[in-house]
């Protein structure tokens, strides 16, 4: 299994959730999870905890796409 490098020595979603949001990955809000995804592939350049315009915009796009998957019943194809 490979783990994603979320920068600053944080490997994996659990480490990133704890480092950026001081919570477990299981307790992330949708917004926090989207911001973690939005900083990839360059988490050393962008900040999930204090997002700038790029991260905020990208997180919004990701949230919209996730809502569309749920709305259209497409989530069953990824379970």
PDB file of N, CA and C in Angstrom:
ATOM      1  N   UNK A   1       0.841  -1.179   0.000  1.00  0.00           N
ATOM      2  CA  UNK A   1       0.000   0.000   0.000  1.00  0.00           C
ATOM      3  C   UNK A   1       0.886   1.243   0.000  1.00  0.00           C
ATOM      4  N   UNK A   2       0.538   2.194  -0.843  1.00  0.00           N
ATOM      5  CA  UNK A   2       1.259   3.458  -0.869  1.00  0.00           C
ATOM      6  C   UNK A   2       0.483   4.505  -0.088  1.00  0.00           C
ATOM      7  N   UNK A   3       1.230   5.426   0.472  1.00  0.00           N
ATOM      8  CA  UNK A   3       0.598   6.530   1.193  1.00  0.00           C
ATOM      9  C   UNK A   3       0.929   7.832   0.488  1.00  0.00           C
ATOM     10  N   UNK A   4      -0.024   8.706   0.491  1.00  0.00           N
ATOM     11  CA  UNK A   4       0.140  10.013  -0.139  1.00  0.00           C
ATOM     12  C   UNK A   4       1.004  10.896   0.751  1.00  0.00           C
ATOM     13  N   UNK A   5       1.902  11.640   0.127  1.00  0.00           N
ATOM     14  CA  UNK A   5       2.739  12.604   0.840  1.00  0.00           C
ATOM     15  C   UNK A   5       2.000  13.929   0.880  1.00  0.00           C
ATOM     16  N   UNK A   6       1.530  14.309   2.081  1.00  0.00           N
ATOM     17  CA  UNK A   6       0.825  15.578   2.255  1.00  0.00           C
ATOM     18  C   UNK A   6       1.753  16.663   2.749  1.00  0.00           C
ATOM     19  N   UNK A   7       3.030  16.484   2.545  1.00  0.00           N
ATOM     20  CA  UNK A   7       4.007  17.517   2.868  1.00  0.00           C
ATOM     21  C   UNK A   7       4.372  17.573   4.335  1.00  0.00           C
ATOM     22  N   UNK A   8       5.515  18.166   4.590  1.00  0.00           N
ATOM     23  CA  UNK A   8       5.993  18.409   5.948  1.00  0.00           C
ATOM     24  C   UNK A   8       6.065  17.131   6.786  1.00  0.00           C
ATOM     25  N   UNK A   9       6.414  16.009   6.146  1.00  0.00           N
ATOM     26  CA  UNK A   9       6.558  14.753   6.855  1.00  0.00           C
ATOM     27  C   UNK A   9       5.264  14.033   7.169  1.00  0.00           C
ATOM     28  N   UNK A  10       4.177  14.438   6.555  1.00  0.00           N
ATOM     29  CA  UNK A  10       2.869  13.811   6.793  1.00  0.00           C
ATOM     30  C   UNK A  10       2.541  12.866   5.648  1.00  0.00           C
ATOM     31  N   UNK A  11       2.557  11.575   5.958  1.00  0.00           N
ATOM     32  CA  UNK A  11       2.257  10.565   4.958  1.00  0.00           C
ATOM     33  C   UNK A  11       0.953   9.876   5.316  1.00  0.00           C
ATOM     34  N   UNK A  12      -0.010   9.923   4.403  1.00  0.00           N
ATOM     35  CA  UNK A  12      -1.306   9.312   4.612  1.00  0.00           C
ATOM     36  C   UNK A  12      -2.343  10.301   5.110  1.00  0.00           C
ATOM     37  N   UNK A  13      -3.601   9.935   4.896  1.00  0.00           N
ATOM     38  CA  UNK A  13      -4.715  10.816   5.260  1.00  0.00           C
ATOM     39  C   UNK A  13      -4.804  11.042   6.762  1.00  0.00           C
ATOM     40  N   UNK A  14      -4.508  10.021   7.543  1.00  0.00           N
ATOM     41  CA  UNK A  14      -4.595  10.175   9.001  1.00  0.00           C
ATOM     42  C   UNK A  14      -3.588  11.199   9.501  1.00  0.00           C
ATOM     43  N   UNK A  15      -2.360  11.093   9.045  1.00  0.00           N
ATOM     44  CA  UNK A  15      -1.320  12.051   9.465  1.00  0.00           C
ATOM     45  C   UNK A  15      -1.664  13.460   9.006  1.00  0.00           C
ATOM     46  N   UNK A  16      -2.171  13.584   7.773  1.00  0.00           N
ATOM     47  CA  UNK A  16      -2.530  14.906   7.252  1.00  0.00           C
ATOM     48  C   UNK A  16      -3.686  15.514   8.036  1.00  0.00           C
ATOM     49  N   UNK A  17      -4.699  14.710   8.342  1.00  0.00           N
ATOM     50  CA  UNK A  17      -5.846  15.204   9.108  1.00  0.00           C
ATOM     51  C   UNK A  17      -5.404  15.712  10.474  1.00  0.00           C
ATOM     52  N   UNK A  18      -4.533  14.976  11.112  1.00  0.00           N
ATOM     53  CA  UNK A  18      -4.069  15.377  12.443  1.00  0.00           C
ATOM     54  C   UNK A  18      -3.186  16.625  12.367  1.00  0.00           C
ATOM     55  N   UNK A  19      -2.322  16.689  11.359  1.00  0.00           N
ATOM     56  CA  UNK A  19      -1.406  17.824  11.240  1.00  0.00           C
ATOM     57  C   UNK A  19      -2.135  19.116  10.866  1.00  0.00           C
ATOM     58  N   UNK A  20      -3.036  19.040   9.902  1.00  0.00           N
ATOM     59  CA  UNK A  20      -3.697  20.250   9.404  1.00  0.00           C
ATOM     60  C   UNK A  20      -4.920  20.656  10.214  1.00  0.00           C
ATOM     61  N   UNK A  21      -5.670  19.654  10.706  1.00  0.00           N
ATOM     62  CA  UNK A  21      -6.953  19.963  11.334  1.00  0.00           C
ATOM     63  C   UNK A  21      -7.103  19.441  12.760  1.00  0.00           C
ATOM     64  N   UNK A  22      -6.078  18.817  13.292  1.00  0.00           N
ATOM     65  CA  UNK A  22      -6.078  18.329  14.676  1.00  0.00           C
ATOM     66  C   UNK A  22      -7.250  17.406  14.970  1.00  0.00           C
ATOM     67  N   UNK A  23      -7.530  16.515  14.028  1.00  0.00           N
ATOM     68  CA  UNK A  23      -8.600  15.531  14.178  1.00  0.00           C
ATOM     69  C   UNK A  23      -8.222  14.283  13.403  1.00  0.00           C
ATOM     70  N   UNK A  24      -8.966  13.232  13.580  1.00  0.00           N
ATOM     71  CA  UNK A  24      -8.706  12.009  12.824  1.00  0.00           C
ATOM     72  C   UNK A  24      -9.296  12.139  11.422  1.00  0.00           C
ATOM     73  N   UNK A  25      -8.797  11.326  10.504  1.00  0.00           N
ATOM     74  CA  UNK A  25      -9.318  11.344   9.138  1.00  0.00           C
ATOM     75  C   UNK A  25     -10.805  10.999   9.121  1.00  0.00           C
ATOM     76  N   UNK A  26     -11.225  10.114   9.998  1.00  0.00           N
ATOM     77  CA  UNK A  26     -12.634   9.713  10.062  1.00  0.00           C
ATOM     78  C   UNK A  26     -13.544  10.854  10.493  1.00  0.00           C
ATOM     79  N   UNK A  27     -13.001  11.836  11.171  1.00  0.00           N
ATOM     80  CA  UNK A  27     -13.823  12.948  11.675  1.00  0.00           C
ATOM     81  C   UNK A  27     -13.706  14.223  10.844  1.00  0.00           C
ATOM     82  N   UNK A  28     -12.993  14.164   9.728  1.00  0.00           N
ATOM     83  CA  UNK A  28     -12.887  15.338   8.859  1.00  0.00           C
ATOM     84  C   UNK A  28     -14.265  15.725   8.324  1.00  0.00           C
ATOM     85  N   UNK A  29     -14.496  17.014   8.208  1.00  0.00           N
ATOM     86  CA  UNK A  29     -15.700  17.475   7.519  1.00  0.00           C
ATOM     87  C   UNK A  29     -15.482  17.296   6.021  1.00  0.00           C
ATOM     88  N   UNK A  30     -16.537  17.397   5.257  1.00  0.00           N
ATOM     89  CA  UNK A  30     -16.388  17.317   3.799  1.00  0.00           C
ATOM     90  C   UNK A  30     -15.468  18.426   3.289  1.00  0.00           C
ATOM     91  N   UNK A  31     -15.625  19.599   3.856  1.00  0.00           N
ATOM     92  CA  UNK A  31     -14.807  20.734   3.444  1.00  0.00           C
ATOM     93  C   UNK A  31     -13.325  20.482   3.745  1.00  0.00           C
ATOM     94  N   UNK A  32     -13.031  19.981   4.916  1.00  0.00           N
ATOM     95  CA  UNK A  32     -11.639  19.697   5.275  1.00  0.00           C
ATOM     96  C   UNK A  32     -11.053  18.625   4.355  1.00  0.00           C
ATOM     97  N   UNK A  33     -11.811  17.575   4.092  1.00  0.00           N
ATOM     98  CA  UNK A  33     -11.333  16.518   3.197  1.00  0.00           C
ATOM     99  C   UNK A  33     -11.086  17.062   1.792  1.00  0.00           C
ATOM    100  N   UNK A  34     -11.967  17.916   1.318  1.00  0.00           N
ATOM    101  CA  UNK A  34     -11.794  18.511  -0.005  1.00  0.00           C
ATOM    102  C   UNK A  34     -10.558  19.397  -0.042  1.00  0.00           C
ATOM    103  N   UNK A  35     -10.310  20.129   1.032  1.00  0.00           N
ATOM    104  CA  UNK A  35      -9.118  20.985   1.068  1.00  0.00           C
ATOM    105  C   UNK A  35      -7.843  20.153   1.094  1.00  0.00           C
ATOM    106  N   UNK A  36      -7.867  19.004   1.779  1.00  0.00           N
ATOM    107  CA  UNK A  36      -6.697  18.122   1.739  1.00  0.00           C
ATOM    108  C   UNK A  36      -6.460  17.623   0.313  1.00  0.00           C
ATOM    109  N   UNK A  37      -7.530  17.235  -0.361  1.00  0.00           N
ATOM    110  CA  UNK A  37      -7.386  16.772  -1.742  1.00  0.00           C
ATOM    111  C   UNK A  37      -6.934  17.910  -2.658  1.00  0.00           C
ATOM    112  N   UNK A  38      -7.393  19.108  -2.389  1.00  0.00           N
ATOM    113  CA  UNK A  38      -7.086  20.245  -3.253  1.00  0.00           C
ATOM    114  C   UNK A  38      -5.621  20.655  -3.218  1.00  0.00           C
ATOM    115  N   UNK A  39      -4.923  20.360  -2.150  1.00  0.00           N
ATOM    116  CA  UNK A  39      -3.504  20.770  -2.080  1.00  0.00           C
ATOM    117  C   UNK A  39      -2.590  19.819  -2.854  1.00  0.00           C
ATOM    118  N   UNK A  40      -3.116  18.668  -3.235  1.00  0.00           N
ATOM    119  CA  UNK A  40      -2.312  17.728  -4.019  1.00  0.00           C
ATOM    120  C   UNK A  40      -2.252  18.200  -5.459  1.00  0.00           C
ATOM    121  N   UNK A  41      -1.180  18.089  -6.159  1.00  0.00           N
ATOM    122  CA  UNK A  41       0.018  17.319  -5.868  1.00  0.00           C
ATOM    123  C   UNK A  41       1.144  18.114  -5.206  1.00  0.00           C
ATOM    124  N   UNK A  42       0.899  19.305  -4.715  1.00  0.00           N
ATOM    125  CA  UNK A  42       1.987  20.110  -4.148  1.00  0.00           C
ATOM    126  C   UNK A  42       1.627  20.656  -2.765  1.00  0.00           C
ATOM    127  N   UNK A  43       1.537  19.784  -1.760  1.00  0.00           N
ATOM    128  CA  UNK A  43       1.132  20.228  -0.426  1.00  0.00           C
ATOM    129  C   UNK A  43       2.167  21.105   0.279  1.00  0.00           C
ATOM    130  N   UNK A  44       3.379  21.144  -0.238  1.00  0.00           N
ATOM    131  CA  UNK A  44       4.367  22.049   0.352  1.00  0.00           C
ATOM    132  C   UNK A  44       4.173  23.481  -0.144  1.00  0.00           C
ATOM    133  N   UNK A  45       3.487  23.629  -1.266  1.00  0.00           N
ATOM    134  CA  UNK A  45       3.223  24.950  -1.843  1.00  0.00           C
ATOM    135  C   UNK A  45       1.904  25.529  -1.338  1.00  0.00           C
ATOM    136  N   UNK A  46       0.871  24.665  -1.193  1.00  0.00           N
ATOM    137  CA  UNK A  46      -0.458  25.121  -0.819  1.00  0.00           C
ATOM    138  C   UNK A  46      -0.792  24.668   0.587  1.00  0.00           C
ATOM    139  N   UNK A  47      -1.701  25.359   1.247  1.00  0.00           N
ATOM    140  CA  UNK A  47      -2.026  25.072   2.637  1.00  0.00           C
ATOM    141  C   UNK A  47      -3.495  24.685   2.766  1.00  0.00           C
ATOM    142  N   UNK A  48      -3.730  23.486   3.298  1.00  0.00           N
ATOM    143  CA  UNK A  48      -5.110  23.012   3.479  1.00  0.00           C
ATOM    144  C   UNK A  48      -5.794  23.691   4.653  1.00  0.00           C
ATOM    145  N   UNK A  49      -5.032  23.992   5.699  1.00  0.00           N
ATOM    146  CA  UNK A  49      -5.619  24.565   6.913  1.00  0.00           C
ATOM    147  C   UNK A  49      -6.011  26.028   6.720  1.00  0.00           C
ATOM    148  N   UNK A  50      -5.187  26.769   6.003  1.00  0.00           N
ATOM    149  CA  UNK A  50      -5.446  28.185   5.728  1.00  0.00           C
ATOM    150  C   UNK A  50      -5.382  28.363   4.207  1.00  0.00           C
ATOM    151  N   UNK A  51      -6.470  27.992   3.537  1.00  0.00           N
ATOM    152  CA  UNK A  51      -6.428  27.957   2.077  1.00  0.00           C
ATOM    153  C   UNK A  51      -6.426  29.328   1.426  1.00  0.00           C
ATOM    154  N   UNK A  52      -5.616  29.428   0.395  1.00  0.00           N
ATOM    155  CA  UNK A  52      -5.615  30.620  -0.444  1.00  0.00           C
ATOM    156  C   UNK A  52      -6.664  30.449  -1.530  1.00  0.00           C
ATOM    157  N   UNK A  53      -6.681  31.353  -2.491  1.00  0.00           N
ATOM    158  CA  UNK A  53      -7.695  31.305  -3.546  1.00  0.00           C
ATOM    159  C   UNK A  53      -7.680  30.005  -4.353  1.00  0.00           C
ATOM    160  N   UNK A  54      -6.489  29.507  -4.711  1.00  0.00           N
ATOM    161  CA  UNK A  54      -6.412  28.287  -5.516  1.00  0.00           C
ATOM    162  C   UNK A  54      -7.020  27.096  -4.771  1.00  0.00           C
ATOM    163  N   UNK A  55      -6.625  26.900  -3.536  1.00  0.00           N
ATOM    164  CA  UNK A  55      -7.117  25.767  -2.753  1.00  0.00           C
ATOM    165  C   UNK A  55      -8.617  25.907  -2.496  1.00  0.00           C
ATOM    166  N   UNK A  56      -9.065  27.097  -2.173  1.00  0.00           N
ATOM    167  CA  UNK A  56     -10.499  27.310  -1.934  1.00  0.00           C
ATOM    168  C   UNK A  56     -11.318  26.997  -3.178  1.00  0.00           C
ATOM    169  N   UNK A  57     -10.857  27.477  -4.321  1.00  0.00           N
ATOM    170  CA  UNK A  57     -11.581  27.234  -5.571  1.00  0.00           C
ATOM    171  C   UNK A  57     -11.567  25.749  -5.923  1.00  0.00           C
ATOM    172  N   UNK A  58     -10.414  25.125  -5.828  1.00  0.00           N
ATOM    173  CA  UNK A  58     -10.294  23.702  -6.161  1.00  0.00           C
ATOM    174  C   UNK A  58     -11.142  22.845  -5.208  1.00  0.00           C
ATOM    175  N   UNK A  59     -11.137  23.175  -3.926  1.00  0.00           N
ATOM    176  CA  UNK A  59     -11.954  22.428  -2.961  1.00  0.00           C
ATOM    177  C   UNK A  59     -13.432  22.564  -3.307  1.00  0.00           C
ATOM    178  N   UNK A  60     -13.852  23.746  -3.726  1.00  0.00           N
ATOM    179  CA  UNK A  60     -15.241  23.946  -4.134  1.00  0.00           C
ATOM    180  C   UNK A  60     -15.617  23.091  -5.329  1.00  0.00           C
ATOM    181  N   UNK A  61     -14.714  22.991  -6.286  1.00  0.00           N
ATOM    182  CA  UNK A  61     -14.947  22.143  -7.459  1.00  0.00           C
ATOM    183  C   UNK A  61     -15.079  20.682  -7.028  1.00  0.00           C
ATOM    184  N   UNK A  62     -14.184  20.239  -6.163  1.00  0.00           N
ATOM    185  CA  UNK A  62     -14.216  18.853  -5.694  1.00  0.00           C
ATOM    186  C   UNK A  62     -15.505  18.558  -4.930  1.00  0.00           C
ATOM    187  N   UNK A  63     -15.941  19.478  -4.087  1.00  0.00           N
ATOM    188  CA  UNK A  63     -17.198  19.296  -3.361  1.00  0.00           C
ATOM    189  C   UNK A  63     -18.387  19.220  -4.323  1.00  0.00           C
ATOM    190  N   UNK A  64     -18.367  20.049  -5.338  1.00  0.00           N
ATOM    191  CA  UNK A  64     -19.431  20.023  -6.340  1.00  0.00           C
ATOM    192  C   UNK A  64     -19.466  18.711  -7.109  1.00  0.00           C
ATOM    193  N   UNK A  65     -18.299  18.208  -7.458  1.00  0.00           N
ATOM    194  CA  UNK A  65     -18.240  16.936  -8.180  1.00  0.00           C
ATOM    195  C   UNK A  65     -18.699  15.781  -7.286  1.00  0.00           C
ATOM    196  N   UNK A  66     -18.323  15.806  -6.016  1.00  0.00           N
ATOM    197  CA  UNK A  66     -18.757  14.761  -5.087  1.00  0.00           C
ATOM    198  C   UNK A  66     -20.272  14.802  -4.925  1.00  0.00           C
ATOM    199  N   UNK A  67     -20.834  15.998  -4.850  1.00  0.00           N
ATOM    200  CA  UNK A  67     -22.293  16.132  -4.721  1.00  0.00           C
ATOM    201  C   UNK A  67     -22.995  15.587  -5.963  1.00  0.00           C
ATOM    202  N   UNK A  68     -22.408  15.813  -7.132  1.00  0.00           N
ATOM    203  CA  UNK A  68     -22.991  15.320  -8.373  1.00  0.00           C
ATOM    204  C   UNK A  68     -22.979  13.787  -8.397  1.00  0.00           C
ATOM    205  N   UNK A  69     -21.899  13.183  -7.945  1.00  0.00           N
ATOM    206  CA  UNK A  69     -21.805  11.723  -7.896  1.00  0.00           C
ATOM    207  C   UNK A  69     -22.905  11.164  -7.003  1.00  0.00           C
ATOM    208  N   UNK A  70     -23.084  11.775  -5.844  1.00  0.00           N
ATOM    209  CA  UNK A  70     -24.119  11.325  -4.904  1.00  0.00           C
ATOM    210  C   UNK A  70     -25.515  11.566  -5.484  1.00  0.00           C
ATOM    211  N   UNK A  71     -25.722  12.762  -6.014  1.00  0.00           N
ATOM    212  CA  UNK A  71     -27.036  13.132  -6.562  1.00  0.00           C
ATOM    213  C   UNK A  71     -27.466  12.192  -7.673  1.00  0.00           C
ATOM    214  N   UNK A  72     -26.531  11.835  -8.543  1.00  0.00           N
ATOM    215  CA  UNK A  72     -26.851  11.001  -9.700  1.00  0.00           C
ATOM    216  C   UNK A  72     -26.776   9.505  -9.410  1.00  0.00           C
ATOM    217  N   UNK A  73     -26.528   9.154  -8.148  1.00  0.00           N
ATOM    218  CA  UNK A  73     -26.487   7.745  -7.766  1.00  0.00           C
ATOM    219  C   UNK A  73     -25.268   7.004  -8.299  1.00  0.00           C
ATOM    220  N   UNK A  74     -24.225   7.740  -8.619  1.00  0.00           N
ATOM    221  CA  UNK A  74     -23.029   7.124  -9.170  1.00  0.00           C
ATOM    222  C   UNK A  74     -22.081   6.606  -8.103  1.00  0.00           C
ATOM    223  N   UNK A  75     -22.380   6.881  -6.846  1.00  0.00           N
ATOM    224  CA  UNK A  75     -21.498   6.438  -5.770  1.00  0.00           C
ATOM    225  C   UNK A  75     -21.456   4.914  -5.641  1.00  0.00           C
ATOM    226  N   UNK A  76     -22.464   4.229  -6.156  1.00  0.00           N
ATOM    227  CA  UNK A  76     -22.459   2.769  -6.063  1.00  0.00           C
ATOM    228  C   UNK A  76     -21.337   2.156  -6.894  1.00  0.00           C
ATOM    229  N   UNK A  77     -20.853   2.854  -7.880  1.00  0.00           N
ATOM    230  CA  UNK A  77     -19.785   2.298  -8.720  1.00  0.00           C
ATOM    231  C   UNK A  77     -18.414   2.378  -8.062  1.00  0.00           C
ATOM    232  N   UNK A  78     -18.296   3.089  -6.944  1.00  0.00           N
ATOM    233  CA  UNK A  78     -17.003   3.186  -6.282  1.00  0.00           C
ATOM    234  C   UNK A  78     -17.000   2.510  -4.911  1.00  0.00           C
ATOM    235  N   UNK A  79     -18.033   1.799  -4.596  1.00  0.00           N
ATOM    236  CA  UNK A  79     -18.096   1.087  -3.311  1.00  0.00           C
ATOM    237  C   UNK A  79     -17.559  -0.297  -3.437  1.00  0.00           C
TER     238      UNK A  79
END
